[in-house]
């Protein structure tokens, strides 16, 4: 009986460590994704606004909603791509930390 109590408390501590590691990985992904979304928004907004002012076709066909849709689509895509890659990279990096006798 005593071994099952000790075993359950050790698995609970291990589970808490895994949850903390997952939270840290997801937080790193959110921060990296937000940074990428900001950069992508600026990098998309400048040419979109410039093309609407300079090109007759863009002036006639891209209203404010279309411009906002272009910019937010790129920002959202950048966020999710970078966040996903960051979470997977940190999870992969952390998964190899605890494996004994791992050859590089």
PDB file of N, CA and C in Angstrom:
ATOM      1  N   UNK A   1       0.821  -1.190   0.000  1.00  0.00           N
ATOM      2  CA  UNK A   1       0.000   0.000   0.000  1.00  0.00           C
ATOM      3  C   UNK A   1       0.866   1.254   0.000  1.00  0.00           C
ATOM      4  N   UNK A   2       1.954   1.205   0.751  1.00  0.00           N
ATOM      5  CA  UNK A   2       2.827   2.376   0.845  1.00  0.00           C
ATOM      6  C   UNK A   2       3.524   2.637  -0.486  1.00  0.00           C
ATOM      7  N   UNK A   3       3.828   1.562  -1.216  1.00  0.00           N
ATOM      8  CA  UNK A   3       4.501   1.769  -2.501  1.00  0.00           C
ATOM      9  C   UNK A   3       3.568   2.410  -3.520  1.00  0.00           C
ATOM     10  N   UNK A   4       2.280   2.086  -3.460  1.00  0.00           N
ATOM     11  CA  UNK A   4       1.349   2.688  -4.420  1.00  0.00           C
ATOM     12  C   UNK A   4       1.152   4.174  -4.134  1.00  0.00           C
ATOM     13  N   UNK A   5       1.182   4.569  -2.856  1.00  0.00           N
ATOM     14  CA  UNK A   5       1.057   5.979  -2.500  1.00  0.00           C
ATOM     15  C   UNK A   5       2.303   6.741  -2.954  1.00  0.00           C
ATOM     16  N   UNK A   6       3.470   6.159  -2.727  1.00  0.00           N
ATOM     17  CA  UNK A   6       4.715   6.811  -3.156  1.00  0.00           C
ATOM     18  C   UNK A   6       4.786   6.875  -4.680  1.00  0.00           C
ATOM     19  N   UNK A   7       4.320   5.823  -5.318  1.00  0.00           N
ATOM     20  CA  UNK A   7       4.340   5.793  -6.781  1.00  0.00           C
ATOM     21  C   UNK A   7       3.378   6.820  -7.363  1.00  0.00           C
ATOM     22  N   UNK A   8       2.205   6.967  -6.765  1.00  0.00           N
ATOM     23  CA  UNK A   8       1.242   7.936  -7.279  1.00  0.00           C
ATOM     24  C   UNK A   8       1.724   9.364  -7.055  1.00  0.00           C
ATOM     25  N   UNK A   9       2.419   9.624  -5.925  1.00  0.00           N
ATOM     26  CA  UNK A   9       2.930  10.974  -5.695  1.00  0.00           C
ATOM     27  C   UNK A   9       4.083  11.297  -6.630  1.00  0.00           C
ATOM     28  N   UNK A  10       4.891  10.281  -6.982  1.00  0.00           N
ATOM     29  CA  UNK A  10       5.983  10.533  -7.923  1.00  0.00           C
ATOM     30  C   UNK A  10       5.436  10.743  -9.333  1.00  0.00           C
ATOM     31  N   UNK A  11       4.392  10.025  -9.708  1.00  0.00           N
ATOM     32  CA  UNK A  11       3.805  10.251 -11.029  1.00  0.00           C
ATOM     33  C   UNK A  11       3.085  11.595 -11.080  1.00  0.00           C
ATOM     34  N   UNK A  12       2.525  12.024  -9.943  1.00  0.00           N
ATOM     35  CA  UNK A  12       1.883  13.333  -9.886  1.00  0.00           C
ATOM     36  C   UNK A  12       2.914  14.448 -10.045  1.00  0.00           C
ATOM     37  N   UNK A  13       4.077  14.292  -9.419  1.00  0.00           N
ATOM     38  CA  UNK A  13       5.148  15.280  -9.568  1.00  0.00           C
ATOM     39  C   UNK A  13       5.659  15.279 -11.001  1.00  0.00           C
ATOM     40  N   UNK A  14       5.788  14.110 -11.588  1.00  0.00           N
ATOM     41  CA  UNK A  14       6.223  14.025 -12.974  1.00  0.00           C
ATOM     42  C   UNK A  14       5.196  14.666 -13.909  1.00  0.00           C
ATOM     43  N   UNK A  15       3.942  14.473 -13.619  1.00  0.00           N
ATOM     44  CA  UNK A  15       2.888  15.080 -14.418  1.00  0.00           C
ATOM     45  C   UNK A  15       2.908  16.603 -14.293  1.00  0.00           C
ATOM     46  N   UNK A  16       3.160  17.104 -13.081  1.00  0.00           N
ATOM     47  CA  UNK A  16       3.266  18.553 -12.890  1.00  0.00           C
ATOM     48  C   UNK A  16       4.434  19.133 -13.673  1.00  0.00           C
ATOM     49  N   UNK A  17       5.548  18.413 -13.710  1.00  0.00           N
ATOM     50  CA  UNK A  17       6.701  18.877 -14.483  1.00  0.00           C
ATOM     51  C   UNK A  17       6.374  18.908 -15.968  1.00  0.00           C
ATOM     52  N   UNK A  18       5.661  17.904 -16.444  1.00  0.00           N
ATOM     53  CA  UNK A  18       5.281  17.869 -17.861  1.00  0.00           C
ATOM     54  C   UNK A  18       4.325  19.001 -18.210  1.00  0.00           C
ATOM     55  N   UNK A  19       3.405  19.299 -17.311  1.00  0.00           N
ATOM     56  CA  UNK A  19       2.463  20.393 -17.545  1.00  0.00           C
ATOM     57  C   UNK A  19       3.202  21.728 -17.573  1.00  0.00           C
ATOM     58  N   UNK A  20       4.141  21.913 -16.639  1.00  0.00           N
ATOM     59  CA  UNK A  20       4.926  23.151 -16.627  1.00  0.00           C
ATOM     60  C   UNK A  20       5.752  23.289 -17.895  1.00  0.00           C
ATOM     61  N   UNK A  21       6.333  22.204 -18.354  1.00  0.00           N
ATOM     62  CA  UNK A  21       7.124  22.226 -19.586  1.00  0.00           C
ATOM     63  C   UNK A  21       6.245  22.547 -20.794  1.00  0.00           C
ATOM     64  N   UNK A  22       5.047  21.979 -20.825  1.00  0.00           N
ATOM     65  CA  UNK A  22       4.125  22.255 -21.932  1.00  0.00           C
ATOM     66  C   UNK A  22       3.670  23.710 -21.916  1.00  0.00           C
ATOM     67  N   UNK A  23       3.436  24.268 -20.746  1.00  0.00           N
ATOM     68  CA  UNK A  23       3.050  25.676 -20.650  1.00  0.00           C
ATOM     69  C   UNK A  23       4.175  26.580 -21.131  1.00  0.00           C
ATOM     70  N   UNK A  24       5.407  26.233 -20.763  1.00  0.00           N
ATOM     71  CA  UNK A  24       6.545  27.045 -21.187  1.00  0.00           C
ATOM     72  C   UNK A  24       6.732  26.963 -22.700  1.00  0.00           C
ATOM     73  N   UNK A  25       6.572  25.766 -23.262  1.00  0.00           N
ATOM     74  CA  UNK A  25       6.688  25.602 -24.720  1.00  0.00           C
ATOM     75  C   UNK A  25       5.613  26.397 -25.447  1.00  0.00           C
ATOM     76  N   UNK A  26       4.390  26.339 -24.950  1.00  0.00           N
ATOM     77  CA  UNK A  26       3.310  27.057 -25.624  1.00  0.00           C
ATOM     78  C   UNK A  26       3.482  28.562 -25.465  1.00  0.00           C
ATOM     79  N   UNK A  27       3.988  29.013 -24.324  1.00  0.00           N
ATOM     80  CA  UNK A  27       4.220  30.449 -24.144  1.00  0.00           C
ATOM     81  C   UNK A  27       5.296  30.949 -25.105  1.00  0.00           C
ATOM     82  N   UNK A  28       6.363  30.169 -25.280  1.00  0.00           N
ATOM     83  CA  UNK A  28       7.398  30.547 -26.246  1.00  0.00           C
ATOM     84  C   UNK A  28       6.818  30.620 -27.655  1.00  0.00           C
ATOM     85  N   UNK A  29       5.930  29.706 -27.986  1.00  0.00           N
ATOM     86  CA  UNK A  29       5.284  29.724 -29.292  1.00  0.00           C
ATOM     87  C   UNK A  29       4.407  30.939 -29.490  1.00  0.00           C
ATOM     88  N   UNK A  30       3.671  31.325 -28.453  1.00  0.00           N
ATOM     89  CA  UNK A  30       2.796  32.498 -28.541  1.00  0.00           C
ATOM     90  C   UNK A  30       3.630  33.762 -28.728  1.00  0.00           C
ATOM     91  N   UNK A  31       4.712  33.893 -27.976  1.00  0.00           N
ATOM     92  CA  UNK A  31       5.555  35.082 -28.089  1.00  0.00           C
ATOM     93  C   UNK A  31       6.195  35.160 -29.477  1.00  0.00           C
ATOM     94  N   UNK A  32       6.735  34.048 -29.942  1.00  0.00           N
ATOM     95  CA  UNK A  32       7.360  34.046 -31.274  1.00  0.00           C
ATOM     96  C   UNK A  32       6.331  34.304 -32.368  1.00  0.00           C
ATOM     97  N   UNK A  33       5.144  33.744 -32.225  1.00  0.00           N
ATOM     98  CA  UNK A  33       4.087  33.970 -33.206  1.00  0.00           C
ATOM     99  C   UNK A  33       3.616  35.412 -33.224  1.00  0.00           C
ATOM    100  N   UNK A  34       3.526  36.025 -32.061  1.00  0.00           N
ATOM    101  CA  UNK A  34       3.111  37.427 -32.001  1.00  0.00           C
ATOM    102  C   UNK A  34       4.148  38.334 -32.657  1.00  0.00           C
ATOM    103  N   UNK A  35       5.412  38.047 -32.408  1.00  0.00           N
ATOM    104  CA  UNK A  35       6.466  38.835 -33.049  1.00  0.00           C
ATOM    105  C   UNK A  35       6.409  38.688 -34.567  1.00  0.00           C
ATOM    106  N   UNK A  36       6.210  37.482 -35.031  1.00  0.00           N
ATOM    107  CA  UNK A  36       6.130  37.252 -36.475  1.00  0.00           C
ATOM    108  C   UNK A  36       4.902  37.931 -37.076  1.00  0.00           C
ATOM    109  N   UNK A  37       3.792  37.928 -36.354  1.00  0.00           N
ATOM    110  CA  UNK A  37       2.579  38.568 -36.859  1.00  0.00           C
ATOM    111  C   UNK A  37       2.755  40.082 -36.968  1.00  0.00           C
ATOM    112  N   UNK A  38       3.461  40.668 -36.015  1.00  0.00           N
ATOM    113  CA  UNK A  38       3.705  42.111 -36.075  1.00  0.00           C
ATOM    114  C   UNK A  38       4.567  42.452 -37.278  1.00  0.00           C
ATOM    115  N   UNK A  39       5.638  41.691 -37.463  1.00  0.00           N
ATOM    116  CA  UNK A  39       6.532  41.935 -38.598  1.00  0.00           C
ATOM    117  C   UNK A  39       5.794  41.714 -39.920  1.00  0.00           C
ATOM    118  N   UNK A  40       5.001  40.663 -39.999  1.00  0.00           N
ATOM    119  CA  UNK A  40       4.268  40.371 -41.230  1.00  0.00           C
ATOM    120  C   UNK A  40       3.210  41.439 -41.511  1.00  0.00           C
ATOM    121  N   UNK A  41       2.586  41.966 -40.473  1.00  0.00           N
ATOM    122  CA  UNK A  41       1.590  43.028 -40.673  1.00  0.00           C
ATOM    123  C   UNK A  41       2.234  44.269 -41.278  1.00  0.00           C
ATOM    124  N   UNK A  42       3.360  44.653 -40.731  1.00  0.00           N
ATOM    125  CA  UNK A  42       4.049  45.835 -41.250  1.00  0.00           C
ATOM    126  C   UNK A  42       4.562  45.576 -42.662  1.00  0.00           C
ATOM    127  N   UNK A  43       5.131  44.390 -42.870  1.00  0.00           N
ATOM    128  CA  UNK A  43       5.680  44.064 -44.188  1.00  0.00           C
ATOM    129  C   UNK A  43       4.587  43.948 -45.252  1.00  0.00           C
ATOM    130  N   UNK A  44       3.370  43.654 -44.865  1.00  0.00           N
ATOM    131  CA  UNK A  44       2.263  43.563 -45.814  1.00  0.00           C
ATOM    132  C   UNK A  44       1.531  44.890 -45.971  1.00  0.00           C
ATOM    133  N   UNK A  45       1.423  45.634 -44.884  1.00  0.00           N
ATOM    134  CA  UNK A  45       0.667  46.889 -44.929  1.00  0.00           C
ATOM    135  C   UNK A  45       1.325  47.924 -45.837  1.00  0.00           C
ATOM    136  N   UNK A  46       2.631  48.009 -45.803  1.00  0.00           N
ATOM    137  CA  UNK A  46       3.319  49.038 -46.594  1.00  0.00           C
ATOM    138  C   UNK A  46       3.084  48.841 -48.090  1.00  0.00           C
ATOM    139  N   UNK A  47       3.347  47.655 -48.670  1.00  0.00           N
ATOM    140  CA  UNK A  47       3.088  47.522 -50.103  1.00  0.00           C
ATOM    141  C   UNK A  47       1.600  47.566 -50.471  1.00  0.00           C
ATOM    142  N   UNK A  48       0.731  47.108 -49.569  1.00  0.00           N
ATOM    143  CA  UNK A  48      -0.704  47.157 -49.858  1.00  0.00           C
ATOM    144  C   UNK A  48      -1.179  48.602 -49.942  1.00  0.00           C
ATOM    145  N   UNK A  49      -0.800  49.401 -48.976  1.00  0.00           N
ATOM    146  CA  UNK A  49      -1.202  50.813 -48.990  1.00  0.00           C
ATOM    147  C   UNK A  49      -0.558  51.559 -50.163  1.00  0.00           C
ATOM    148  N   UNK A  50       0.683  51.238 -50.455  1.00  0.00           N
ATOM    149  CA  UNK A  50       1.359  51.908 -51.571  1.00  0.00           C
ATOM    150  C   UNK A  50       0.709  51.538 -52.901  1.00  0.00           C
ATOM    151  N   UNK A  51       0.354  50.270 -53.056  1.00  0.00           N
ATOM    152  CA  UNK A  51      -0.259  49.863 -54.325  1.00  0.00           C
ATOM    153  C   UNK A  51      -1.636  50.479 -54.507  1.00  0.00           C
ATOM    154  N   UNK A  52      -2.387  50.647 -53.433  1.00  0.00           N
ATOM    155  CA  UNK A  52      -3.706  51.274 -53.533  1.00  0.00           C
ATOM    156  C   UNK A  52      -3.571  52.737 -53.941  1.00  0.00           C
ATOM    157  N   UNK A  53      -2.539  53.384 -53.502  1.00  0.00           N
ATOM    158  CA  UNK A  53      -2.337  54.792 -53.874  1.00  0.00           C
ATOM    159  C   UNK A  53      -1.781  54.952 -55.282  1.00  0.00           C
ATOM    160  N   UNK A  54      -0.967  54.003 -55.749  1.00  0.00           N
ATOM    161  CA  UNK A  54      -0.249  54.189 -57.009  1.00  0.00           C
ATOM    162  C   UNK A  54      -0.860  53.467 -58.212  1.00  0.00           C
ATOM    163  N   UNK A  55      -1.448  52.310 -57.995  1.00  0.00           N
ATOM    164  CA  UNK A  55      -1.948  51.517 -59.121  1.00  0.00           C
ATOM    165  C   UNK A  55      -3.445  51.755 -59.322  1.00  0.00           C
ATOM    166  N   UNK A  56      -3.836  52.089 -60.537  1.00  0.00           N
ATOM    167  CA  UNK A  56      -5.266  52.350 -60.790  1.00  0.00           C
ATOM    168  C   UNK A  56      -6.154  51.128 -60.542  1.00  0.00           C
ATOM    169  N   UNK A  57      -5.662  49.929 -60.902  1.00  0.00           N
ATOM    170  CA  UNK A  57      -6.473  48.727 -60.680  1.00  0.00           C
ATOM    171  C   UNK A  57      -6.717  48.518 -59.194  1.00  0.00           C
ATOM    172  N   UNK A  58      -5.661  48.641 -58.373  1.00  0.00           N
ATOM    173  CA  UNK A  58      -5.804  48.439 -56.930  1.00  0.00           C
ATOM    174  C   UNK A  58      -6.708  49.506 -56.319  1.00  0.00           C
ATOM    175  N   UNK A  59      -6.602  50.726 -56.807  1.00  0.00           N
ATOM    176  CA  UNK A  59      -7.453  51.796 -56.283  1.00  0.00           C
ATOM    177  C   UNK A  59      -8.924  51.506 -56.568  1.00  0.00           C
ATOM    178  N   UNK A  60      -9.191  50.951 -57.742  1.00  0.00           N
ATOM    179  CA  UNK A  60     -10.578  50.683 -58.122  1.00  0.00           C
ATOM    180  C   UNK A  60     -11.139  49.433 -57.449  1.00  0.00           C
ATOM    181  N   UNK A  61     -10.299  48.448 -57.183  1.00  0.00           N
ATOM    182  CA  UNK A  61     -10.812  47.152 -56.728  1.00  0.00           C
ATOM    183  C   UNK A  61     -10.550  46.802 -55.270  1.00  0.00           C
ATOM    184  N   UNK A  62      -9.633  47.458 -54.596  1.00  0.00           N
ATOM    185  CA  UNK A  62      -9.330  47.116 -53.203  1.00  0.00           C
ATOM    186  C   UNK A  62      -9.857  48.199 -52.267  1.00  0.00           C
ATOM    187  N   UNK A  63     -11.029  47.954 -51.712  1.00  0.00           N
ATOM    188  CA  UNK A  63     -11.563  48.906 -50.741  1.00  0.00           C
ATOM    189  C   UNK A  63     -10.901  48.666 -49.379  1.00  0.00           C
ATOM    190  N   UNK A  64     -11.332  49.369 -48.355  1.00  0.00           N
ATOM    191  CA  UNK A  64     -10.707  49.263 -47.037  1.00  0.00           C
ATOM    192  C   UNK A  64     -10.829  47.858 -46.449  1.00  0.00           C
ATOM    193  N   UNK A  65     -11.956  47.226 -46.694  1.00  0.00           N
ATOM    194  CA  UNK A  65     -12.150  45.871 -46.183  1.00  0.00           C
ATOM    195  C   UNK A  65     -11.192  44.895 -46.839  1.00  0.00           C
ATOM    196  N   UNK A  66     -11.002  45.008 -48.129  1.00  0.00           N
ATOM    197  CA  UNK A  66     -10.074  44.118 -48.832  1.00  0.00           C
ATOM    198  C   UNK A  66      -8.644  44.332 -48.358  1.00  0.00           C
ATOM    199  N   UNK A  67      -8.277  45.560 -48.137  1.00  0.00           N
ATOM    200  CA  UNK A  67      -6.933  45.850 -47.638  1.00  0.00           C
ATOM    201  C   UNK A  67      -6.724  45.242 -46.259  1.00  0.00           C
ATOM    202  N   UNK A  68      -7.710  45.417 -45.382  1.00  0.00           N
ATOM    203  CA  UNK A  68      -7.608  44.847 -44.036  1.00  0.00           C
ATOM    204  C   UNK A  68      -7.576  43.325 -44.089  1.00  0.00           C
ATOM    205  N   UNK A  69      -8.344  42.749 -44.996  1.00  0.00           N
ATOM    206  CA  UNK A  69      -8.357  41.291 -45.127  1.00  0.00           C
ATOM    207  C   UNK A  69      -7.005  40.758 -45.593  1.00  0.00           C
ATOM    208  N   UNK A  70      -6.366  41.440 -46.516  1.00  0.00           N
ATOM    209  CA  UNK A  70      -5.045  41.023 -46.990  1.00  0.00           C
ATOM    210  C   UNK A  70      -4.047  41.057 -45.838  1.00  0.00           C
ATOM    211  N   UNK A  71      -4.041  42.140 -45.107  1.00  0.00           N
ATOM    212  CA  UNK A  71      -3.058  42.322 -44.031  1.00  0.00           C
ATOM    213  C   UNK A  71      -3.296  41.327 -42.896  1.00  0.00           C
ATOM    214  N   UNK A  72      -4.545  41.158 -42.480  1.00  0.00           N
ATOM    215  CA  UNK A  72      -4.816  40.255 -41.358  1.00  0.00           C
ATOM    216  C   UNK A  72      -4.629  38.794 -41.736  1.00  0.00           C
ATOM    217  N   UNK A  73      -4.876  38.444 -42.985  1.00  0.00           N
ATOM    218  CA  UNK A  73      -4.649  37.065 -43.413  1.00  0.00           C
ATOM    219  C   UNK A  73      -3.172  36.705 -43.340  1.00  0.00           C
ATOM    220  N   UNK A  74      -2.337  37.611 -43.804  1.00  0.00           N
ATOM    221  CA  UNK A  74      -0.890  37.362 -43.744  1.00  0.00           C
ATOM    222  C   UNK A  74      -0.414  37.323 -42.301  1.00  0.00           C
ATOM    223  N   UNK A  75      -0.917  38.225 -41.471  1.00  0.00           N
ATOM    224  CA  UNK A  75      -0.514  38.246 -40.064  1.00  0.00           C
ATOM    225  C   UNK A  75      -0.959  36.970 -39.344  1.00  0.00           C
ATOM    226  N   UNK A  76      -2.174  36.535 -39.600  1.00  0.00           N
ATOM    227  CA  UNK A  76      -2.657  35.297 -38.971  1.00  0.00           C
ATOM    228  C   UNK A  76      -1.886  34.080 -39.416  1.00  0.00           C
ATOM    229  N   UNK A  77      -1.593  34.014 -40.698  1.00  0.00           N
ATOM    230  CA  UNK A  77      -0.811  32.883 -41.205  1.00  0.00           C
ATOM    231  C   UNK A  77       0.584  32.871 -40.602  1.00  0.00           C
ATOM    232  N   UNK A  78       1.206  34.036 -40.521  1.00  0.00           N
ATOM    233  CA  UNK A  78       2.546  34.116 -39.932  1.00  0.00           C
ATOM    234  C   UNK A  78       2.517  33.695 -38.469  1.00  0.00           C
ATOM    235  N   UNK A  79       1.490  34.142 -37.742  1.00  0.00           N
ATOM    236  CA  UNK A  79       1.376  33.772 -36.328  1.00  0.00           C
ATOM    237  C   UNK A  79       1.299  32.263 -36.153  1.00  0.00           C
ATOM    238  N   UNK A  80       0.389  31.626 -36.865  1.00  0.00           N
ATOM    239  CA  UNK A  80       0.187  30.200 -36.660  1.00  0.00           C
ATOM    240  C   UNK A  80       1.360  29.371 -37.157  1.00  0.00           C
ATOM    241  N   UNK A  81       1.971  29.770 -38.250  1.00  0.00           N
ATOM    242  CA  UNK A  81       3.115  29.009 -38.757  1.00  0.00           C
ATOM    243  C   UNK A  81       4.286  29.085 -37.794  1.00  0.00           C
ATOM    244  N   UNK A  82       4.614  30.295 -37.354  1.00  0.00           N
ATOM    245  CA  UNK A  82       5.765  30.461 -36.456  1.00  0.00           C
ATOM    246  C   UNK A  82       5.476  29.860 -35.083  1.00  0.00           C
ATOM    247  N   UNK A  83       4.285  30.046 -34.565  1.00  0.00           N
ATOM    248  CA  UNK A  83       3.948  29.468 -33.261  1.00  0.00           C
ATOM    249  C   UNK A  83       4.015  27.953 -33.301  1.00  0.00           C
ATOM    250  N   UNK A  84       3.498  27.356 -34.355  1.00  0.00           N
ATOM    251  CA  UNK A  84       3.532  25.903 -34.485  1.00  0.00           C
ATOM    252  C   UNK A  84       4.960  25.392 -34.581  1.00  0.00           C
ATOM    253  N   UNK A  85       5.769  26.033 -35.404  1.00  0.00           N
ATOM    254  CA  UNK A  85       7.162  25.600 -35.541  1.00  0.00           C
ATOM    255  C   UNK A  85       7.925  25.765 -34.238  1.00  0.00           C
ATOM    256  N   UNK A  86       7.660  26.843 -33.509  1.00  0.00           N
ATOM    257  CA  UNK A  86       8.354  27.077 -32.249  1.00  0.00           C
ATOM    258  C   UNK A  86       7.959  26.044 -31.201  1.00  0.00           C
ATOM    259  N   UNK A  87       6.678  25.763 -31.096  1.00  0.00           N
ATOM    260  CA  UNK A  87       6.220  24.766 -30.118  1.00  0.00           C
ATOM    261  C   UNK A  87       6.808  23.396 -30.449  1.00  0.00           C
ATOM    262  N   UNK A  88       6.785  23.026 -31.720  1.00  0.00           N
ATOM    263  CA  UNK A  88       7.341  21.723 -32.100  1.00  0.00           C
ATOM    264  C   UNK A  88       8.845  21.660 -31.877  1.00  0.00           C
ATOM    265  N   UNK A  89       9.553  22.745 -32.159  1.00  0.00           N
ATOM    266  CA  UNK A  89      11.004  22.753 -31.960  1.00  0.00           C
ATOM    267  C   UNK A  89      11.367  22.657 -30.478  1.00  0.00           C
ATOM    268  N   UNK A  90      10.664  23.395 -29.631  1.00  0.00           N
ATOM    269  CA  UNK A  90      10.975  23.319 -28.202  1.00  0.00           C
ATOM    270  C   UNK A  90      10.561  21.977 -27.616  1.00  0.00           C
ATOM    271  N   UNK A  91       9.473  21.418 -28.081  1.00  0.00           N
ATOM    272  CA  UNK A  91       9.065  20.093 -27.600  1.00  0.00           C
ATOM    273  C   UNK A  91      10.074  19.036 -28.033  1.00  0.00           C
ATOM    274  N   UNK A  92      10.553  19.138 -29.264  1.00  0.00           N
ATOM    275  CA  UNK A  92      11.559  18.190 -29.744  1.00  0.00           C
ATOM    276  C   UNK A  92      12.846  18.326 -28.949  1.00  0.00           C
ATOM    277  N   UNK A  93      13.257  19.573 -28.701  1.00  0.00           N
ATOM    278  CA  UNK A  93      14.483  19.818 -27.946  1.00  0.00           C
ATOM    279  C   UNK A  93      14.356  19.268 -26.525  1.00  0.00           C
ATOM    280  N   UNK A  94      13.211  19.492 -25.896  1.00  0.00           N
ATOM    281  CA  UNK A  94      13.015  19.037 -24.524  1.00  0.00           C
ATOM    282  C   UNK A  94      12.788  17.535 -24.435  1.00  0.00           C
ATOM    283  N   UNK A  95      12.328  16.907 -25.495  1.00  0.00           N
ATOM    284  CA  UNK A  95      12.091  15.469 -25.431  1.00  0.00           C
ATOM    285  C   UNK A  95      13.401  14.691 -25.425  1.00  0.00           C
ATOM    286  N   UNK A  96      14.457  15.253 -25.997  1.00  0.00           N
ATOM    287  CA  UNK A  96      15.737  14.564 -26.019  1.00  0.00           C
ATOM    288  C   UNK A  96      16.559  14.815 -24.762  1.00  0.00           C
ATOM    289  N   UNK A  97      16.147  15.738 -23.901  1.00  0.00           N
ATOM    290  CA  UNK A  97      16.894  16.030 -22.688  1.00  0.00           C
ATOM    291  C   UNK A  97      16.846  14.881 -21.692  1.00  0.00           C
ATOM    292  N   UNK A  98      15.741  14.177 -21.644  1.00  0.00           N
ATOM    293  CA  UNK A  98      15.538  13.175 -20.598  1.00  0.00           C
ATOM    294  C   UNK A  98      15.797  11.746 -21.064  1.00  0.00           C
ATOM    295  N   UNK A  99      16.295  11.584 -22.273  1.00  0.00           N
ATOM    296  CA  UNK A  99      16.548  10.235 -22.785  1.00  0.00           C
ATOM    297  C   UNK A  99      17.986   9.855 -22.439  1.00  0.00           C
ATOM    298  N   UNK A 100      18.184   8.808 -21.641  1.00  0.00           N
ATOM    299  CA  UNK A 100      19.544   8.397 -21.306  1.00  0.00           C
ATOM    300  C   UNK A 100      20.188   7.637 -22.459  1.00  0.00           C
ATOM    301  N   UNK A 101      21.483   7.703 -22.545  1.00  0.00           N
ATOM    302  CA  UNK A 101      22.281   6.989 -23.541  1.00  0.00           C
ATOM    303  C   UNK A 101      21.873   7.339 -24.970  1.00  0.00           C
ATOM    304  N   UNK A 102      21.570   8.575 -25.193  1.00  0.00           N
ATOM    305  CA  UNK A 102      21.200   9.025 -26.536  1.00  0.00           C
ATOM    306  C   UNK A 102      22.453   9.425 -27.282  1.00  0.00           C
ATOM    307  N   UNK A 103      22.678   8.830 -28.451  1.00  0.00           N
ATOM    308  CA  UNK A 103      23.849   9.168 -29.253  1.00  0.00           C
ATOM    309  C   UNK A 103      23.509  10.306 -30.197  1.00  0.00           C
ATOM    310  N   UNK A 104      24.403  11.299 -30.329  1.00  0.00           N
ATOM    311  CA  UNK A 104      24.105  12.431 -31.232  1.00  0.00           C
ATOM    312  C   UNK A 104      24.193  12.067 -32.689  1.00  0.00           C
TER     313      UNK A 104
END
